[in-house]
C-alpha atoms as a PDB file:
ATOM      1  CA  UNK A   1     -20.815  19.384  -2.581  1.00  0.00           C
ATOM      2  CA  UNK A   2     -17.629  20.026  -0.860  1.00  0.00           C
ATOM      3  CA  UNK A   3     -14.487  18.904  -2.835  1.00  0.00           C
ATOM      4  CA  UNK A   4     -12.520  15.952  -0.936  1.00  0.00           C
ATOM      5  CA  UNK A   5      -8.961  14.654  -1.931  1.00  0.00           C
ATOM      6  CA  UNK A   6     -10.737  12.181  -3.738  1.00  0.00           C
ATOM      7  CA  UNK A   7     -12.608  14.323  -6.098  1.00  0.00           C
ATOM      8  CA  UNK A   8      -9.708  16.670  -6.589  1.00  0.00           C
ATOM      9  CA  UNK A   9      -6.730  13.918  -7.132  1.00  0.00           C
ATOM     10  CA  UNK A  10      -5.337  12.942  -9.999  1.00  0.00           C
ATOM     11  CA  UNK A  11      -7.472  10.441 -11.954  1.00  0.00           C
ATOM     12  CA  UNK A  12      -7.466   8.906 -15.315  1.00  0.00           C
ATOM     13  CA  UNK A  13     -10.659   7.352 -16.807  1.00  0.00           C
ATOM     14  CA  UNK A  14     -12.084   5.007 -19.018  1.00  0.00           C
ATOM     15  CA  UNK A  15     -15.003   5.565 -21.098  1.00  0.00           C
ATOM     16  CA  UNK A  16     -16.250   1.927 -22.346  1.00  0.00           C
ATOM     17  CA  UNK A  17     -19.207   2.306 -25.093  1.00  0.00           C
ATOM     18  CA  UNK A  18     -20.849  -0.328 -26.495  1.00  0.00           C
ATOM     19  CA  UNK A  19     -22.653  -0.814 -30.011  1.00  0.00           C
ATOM     20  CA  UNK A  20     -25.590  -0.825 -28.094  1.00  0.00           C
ATOM     21  CA  UNK A  21     -25.160   2.575 -26.764  1.00  0.00           C
ATOM     22  CA  UNK A  22     -26.495   5.428 -28.105  1.00  0.00           C
ATOM     23  CA  UNK A  23     -23.352   7.364 -27.849  1.00  0.00           C
ATOM     24  CA  UNK A  24     -21.874   4.312 -30.082  1.00  0.00           C
ATOM     25  CA  UNK A  25     -21.204   6.921 -33.424  1.00  0.00           C
ATOM     26  CA  UNK A  26     -20.322  10.043 -31.240  1.00  0.00           C
ATOM     27  CA  UNK A  27     -17.916   8.464 -29.222  1.00  0.00           C
ATOM     28  CA  UNK A  28     -15.992   7.948 -32.488  1.00  0.00           C
ATOM     29  CA  UNK A  29     -16.892  10.937 -34.468  1.00  0.00           C
ATOM     30  CA  UNK A  30     -17.527  13.357 -31.231  1.00  0.00           C
ATOM     31  CA  UNK A  31     -15.522  11.755 -28.583  1.00  0.00           C
ATOM     32  CA  UNK A  32     -15.212  15.092 -26.898  1.00  0.00           C
ATOM     33  CA  UNK A  33     -19.033  14.857 -26.600  1.00  0.00           C
ATOM     34  CA  UNK A  34     -19.139  11.966 -25.034  1.00  0.00           C
ATOM     35  CA  UNK A  35     -16.337  12.776 -22.574  1.00  0.00           C
ATOM     36  CA  UNK A  36     -18.712  15.506 -21.464  1.00  0.00           C
ATOM     37  CA  UNK A  37     -21.593  12.862 -20.802  1.00  0.00           C
ATOM     38  CA  UNK A  38     -19.004  11.143 -19.159  1.00  0.00           C
ATOM     39  CA  UNK A  39     -18.286  13.820 -16.490  1.00  0.00           C
ATOM     40  CA  UNK A  40     -21.400  14.576 -15.889  1.00  0.00           C
ATOM     41  CA  UNK A  41     -22.675  10.747 -14.835  1.00  0.00           C
ATOM     42  CA  UNK A  42     -18.864  10.970 -12.484  1.00  0.00           C
ATOM     43  CA  UNK A  43     -20.311  14.422 -11.279  1.00  0.00           C
ATOM     44  CA  UNK A  44     -24.071  13.097 -10.646  1.00  0.00           C
ATOM     45  CA  UNK A  45     -22.334   9.713  -8.530  1.00  0.00           C
ATOM     46  CA  UNK A  46     -20.393  12.091  -6.380  1.00  0.00           C
ATOM     47  CA  UNK A  47     -17.095  10.841  -8.570  1.00  0.00           C
ATOM     48  CA  UNK A  48     -15.546  14.174  -9.236  1.00  0.00           C
ATOM     49  CA  UNK A  49     -16.171  17.868  -8.975  1.00  0.00           C
ATOM     50  CA  UNK A  50     -16.285  19.663 -11.708  1.00  0.00           C
ATOM     51  CA  UNK A  51     -17.538  21.184 -14.651  1.00  0.00           C
ATOM     52  CA  UNK A  52     -18.250  18.843 -17.729  1.00  0.00           C
ATOM     53  CA  UNK A  53     -18.830  21.691 -20.019  1.00  0.00           C
ATOM     54  CA  UNK A  54     -14.803  23.336 -19.324  1.00  0.00           C
ATOM     55  CA  UNK A  55     -12.522  21.729 -21.961  1.00  0.00           C
ATOM     56  CA  UNK A  56      -9.783  22.970 -19.506  1.00  0.00           C
ATOM     57  CA  UNK A  57     -11.069  20.279 -16.907  1.00  0.00           C
ATOM     58  CA  UNK A  58      -9.764  16.896 -18.655  1.00  0.00           C
ATOM     59  CA  UNK A  59      -7.182  15.715 -21.178  1.00  0.00           C
ATOM     60  CA  UNK A  60      -8.434  13.370 -23.977  1.00  0.00           C
ATOM     61  CA  UNK A  61      -6.176  11.006 -24.539  1.00  0.00           C
ATOM     62  CA  UNK A  62      -6.503   8.317 -26.699  1.00  0.00           C
ATOM     63  CA  UNK A  63      -9.896   6.473 -28.439  1.00  0.00           C
ATOM     64  CA  UNK A  64      -9.747   3.142 -29.464  1.00  0.00           C
ATOM     65  CA  UNK A  65     -12.414   1.441 -31.857  1.00  0.00           C
ATOM     66  CA  UNK A  66     -13.189  -1.557 -32.073  1.00  0.00           C
ATOM     67  CA  UNK A  67     -16.035  -3.901 -34.092  1.00  0.00           C
ATOM     68  CA  UNK A  68     -18.260  -3.907 -30.674  1.00  0.00           C
ATOM     69  CA  UNK A  69     -16.925  -1.050 -28.422  1.00  0.00           C
ATOM     70  CA  UNK A  70     -15.111   2.318 -28.268  1.00  0.00           C
ATOM     71  CA  UNK A  71     -12.772   3.104 -25.792  1.00  0.00           C
ATOM     72  CA  UNK A  72     -11.804   6.591 -24.436  1.00  0.00           C
ATOM     73  CA  UNK A  73      -8.910   7.642 -21.717  1.00  0.00           C
ATOM     74  CA  UNK A  74      -8.901  11.134 -20.142  1.00  0.00           C
ATOM     75  CA  UNK A  75      -7.731  12.470 -17.304  1.00  0.00           C
ATOM     76  CA  UNK A  76      -8.880  14.750 -14.393  1.00  0.00           C
ATOM     77  CA  UNK A  77      -6.982  17.061 -12.521  1.00  0.00           C
ATOM     78  CA  UNK A  78      -3.426  15.621 -13.457  1.00  0.00           C
ATOM     79  CA  UNK A  79      -1.662  18.651 -13.530  1.00  0.00           C
ATOM     80  CA  UNK A  80       2.321  16.964 -13.919  1.00  0.00           C
ATOM     81  CA  UNK A  81       1.478  14.744 -17.027  1.00  0.00           C
ATOM     82  CA  UNK A  82       4.385  14.511 -19.164  1.00  0.00           C
ATOM     83  CA  UNK A  83       3.891  13.017 -22.742  1.00  0.00           C
ATOM     84  CA  UNK A  84       7.932  12.946 -23.168  1.00  0.00           C
ATOM     85  CA  UNK A  85       7.995  10.933 -20.585  1.00  0.00           C
ATOM     86  CA  UNK A  86       4.313   8.631 -20.568  1.00  0.00           C
ATOM     87  CA  UNK A  87       5.968   5.596 -22.182  1.00  0.00           C
ATOM     88  CA  UNK A  88       8.561   4.523 -19.348  1.00  0.00           C
ATOM     89  CA  UNK A  89       7.055   2.199 -16.990  1.00  0.00           C
ATOM     90  CA  UNK A  90       5.593   3.793 -13.867  1.00  0.00           C
ATOM     91  CA  UNK A  91       5.339   7.339 -15.143  1.00  0.00           C
ATOM     92  CA  UNK A  92       1.804   8.695 -15.096  1.00  0.00           C
ATOM     93  CA  UNK A  93       0.118   6.131 -13.689  1.00  0.00           C
ATOM     94  CA  UNK A  94      -3.322   6.968 -12.218  1.00  0.00           C
ATOM     95  CA  UNK A  95      -6.229   5.405 -10.258  1.00  0.00           C
ATOM     96  CA  UNK A  96      -8.892   4.773 -12.536  1.00  0.00           C
ATOM     97  CA  UNK A  97     -12.398   5.365 -12.766  1.00  0.00           C
ATOM     98  CA  UNK A  98     -14.678   3.696 -15.556  1.00  0.00           C
ATOM     99  CA  UNK A  99     -17.461   4.632 -17.067  1.00  0.00           C
ATOM    100  CA  UNK A 100     -19.972   2.166 -19.222  1.00  0.00           C
ATOM    101  CA  UNK A 101     -21.965   3.708 -21.575  1.00  0.00           C
ATOM    102  CA  UNK A 102     -24.125   0.372 -23.012  1.00  0.00           C
ATOM    103  CA  UNK A 103     -27.583  -0.044 -22.926  1.00  0.00           C
ATOM    104  CA  UNK A 104     -27.491   1.315 -19.033  1.00  0.00           C
ATOM    105  CA  UNK A 105     -24.660   3.510 -17.841  1.00  0.00           C
ATOM    106  CA  UNK A 106     -22.960   2.551 -14.966  1.00  0.00           C
ATOM    107  CA  UNK A 107     -19.741   4.459 -13.141  1.00  0.00           C
ATOM    108  CA  UNK A 108     -17.472   3.108 -10.079  1.00  0.00           C
ATOM    109  CA  UNK A 109     -13.795   3.155  -9.442  1.00  0.00           C
ATOM    110  CA  UNK A 110     -11.580   0.859 -11.428  1.00  0.00           C
ATOM    111  CA  UNK A 111     -10.773  -2.559 -10.115  1.00  0.00           C
ATOM    112  CA  UNK A 112      -6.814  -3.019  -9.762  1.00  0.00           C
ATOM    113  CA  UNK A 113      -6.471  -5.445 -12.475  1.00  0.00           C
ATOM    114  CA  UNK A 114      -8.421  -2.735 -14.843  1.00  0.00           C
ATOM    115  CA  UNK A 115      -6.189   0.233 -13.715  1.00  0.00           C
ATOM    116  CA  UNK A 116      -3.120  -1.862 -14.653  1.00  0.00           C
ATOM    117  CA  UNK A 117      -4.452  -2.513 -18.295  1.00  0.00           C
ATOM    118  CA  UNK A 118      -5.519   1.031 -19.055  1.00  0.00           C
ATOM    119  CA  UNK A 119      -2.317   2.449 -17.444  1.00  0.00           C
ATOM    120  CA  UNK A 120      -0.232   0.377 -19.237  1.00  0.00           C
ATOM    121  CA  UNK A 121      -1.921   0.304 -22.432  1.00  0.00           C
ATOM    122  CA  UNK A 122      -1.759   4.315 -22.772  1.00  0.00           C
ATOM    123  CA  UNK A 123       1.941   3.761 -21.704  1.00  0.00           C
ATOM    124  CA  UNK A 124       2.340   1.445 -24.897  1.00  0.00           C
ATOM    125  CA  UNK A 125       0.237   4.134 -27.278  1.00  0.00           C
ATOM    126  CA  UNK A 126       2.993   6.487 -26.350  1.00  0.00           C
ATOM    127  CA  UNK A 127       5.659   4.105 -27.073  1.00  0.00           C
ATOM    128  CA  UNK A 128       4.447   3.438 -30.116  1.00  0.00           C
ATOM    129  CA  UNK A 129       3.276   6.687 -31.125  1.00  0.00           C
ATOM    130  CA  UNK A 130       7.170   7.676 -31.680  1.00  0.00           C
ATOM    131  CA  UNK A 131       8.898  10.861 -30.352  1.00  0.00           C
ATOM    132  CA  UNK A 132       6.868  14.211 -30.118  1.00  0.00           C
ATOM    133  CA  UNK A 133       4.048  12.438 -30.187  1.00  0.00           C
ATOM    134  CA  UNK A 134       1.029  13.944 -28.469  1.00  0.00           C
ATOM    135  CA  UNK A 135      -2.661  12.921 -27.764  1.00  0.00           C
ATOM    136  CA  UNK A 136      -4.952  12.620 -28.171  1.00  0.00           C
ATOM    137  CA  UNK A 137      -4.162   9.355 -29.814  1.00  0.00           C
ATOM    138  CA  UNK A 138      -6.635   7.517 -32.417  1.00  0.00           C
ATOM    139  CA  UNK A 139      -6.381   3.492 -32.675  1.00  0.00           C
ATOM    140  CA  UNK A 140      -8.763   2.086 -34.880  1.00  0.00           C
ATOM    141  CA  UNK A 141      -9.481  -1.496 -34.876  1.00  0.00           C
ATOM    142  CA  UNK A 142     -12.843  -1.860 -37.003  1.00  0.00           C
ATOM    143  CA  UNK A 143     -13.794  -4.250 -39.380  1.00  0.00           C
ATOM    144  CA  UNK A 144     -10.321  -6.150 -39.007  1.00  0.00           C
ATOM    145  CA  UNK A 145      -8.119  -3.024 -38.999  1.00  0.00           C
ATOM    146  CA  UNK A 146      -4.367  -3.092 -37.256  1.00  0.00           C
ATOM    147  CA  UNK A 147      -2.966   0.001 -36.822  1.00  0.00           C
ATOM    148  CA  UNK A 148       1.232   0.328 -37.717  1.00  0.00           C
ATOM    149  CA  UNK A 149       3.258   2.281 -35.767  1.00  0.00           C
ATOM    150  CA  UNK A 150       6.366   3.261 -37.876  1.00  0.00           C
ATOM    151  CA  UNK A 151       8.795   5.342 -35.399  1.00  0.00           C
ATOM    152  CA  UNK A 152       8.360   3.546 -31.753  1.00  0.00           C
ATOM    153  CA  UNK A 153      10.335   5.650 -29.379  1.00  0.00           C
ATOM    154  CA  UNK A 154      11.850   2.322 -28.232  1.00  0.00           C
ATOM    155  CA  UNK A 155      12.968   0.060 -31.281  1.00  0.00           C
ATOM    156  CA  UNK A 156      11.636  -3.390 -30.846  1.00  0.00           C
ATOM    157  CA  UNK A 157      10.074  -3.849 -27.639  1.00  0.00           C
ATOM    158  CA  UNK A 158       6.967  -4.132 -26.058  1.00  0.00           C
ATOM    159  CA  UNK A 159       7.022  -1.275 -23.215  1.00  0.00           C
ATOM    160  CA  UNK A 160       5.448  -3.298 -19.920  1.00  0.00           C
ATOM    161  CA  UNK A 161       5.320  -2.470 -16.386  1.00  0.00           C
END
């Protein structure tokens, strides 16, 4: 496959794994295995051209679990990622590819609304986890849990776009 700007430019990837997916358990316990599955699906669908088995080809940013969904977020081809400023609006915002691992699997460019939500939620995680925090971030909402962040970067304010 020919490397084009669309397959080599920096992208953020959202992987959505439903409880009905065969990847449900491993999305939480072995997230990087599921990231490799997503990379392989993206490669098969001509969305990217990289080696799924090369851990240096992606940056694992976050995983978030709810009772019926687990979400993984990672970046590819993002050489200028800056975790010290990622909580600031407009910093580290990328276009997003969505990978759905449900009973069926699908890969597509995310729409603008989903792209904005993914970037905003990641920015908020960077703020909530405090100065010096580094990904991957883990957020667990399963069984009614709600995470508590004791040392956000910006006190008393939710970071928005």
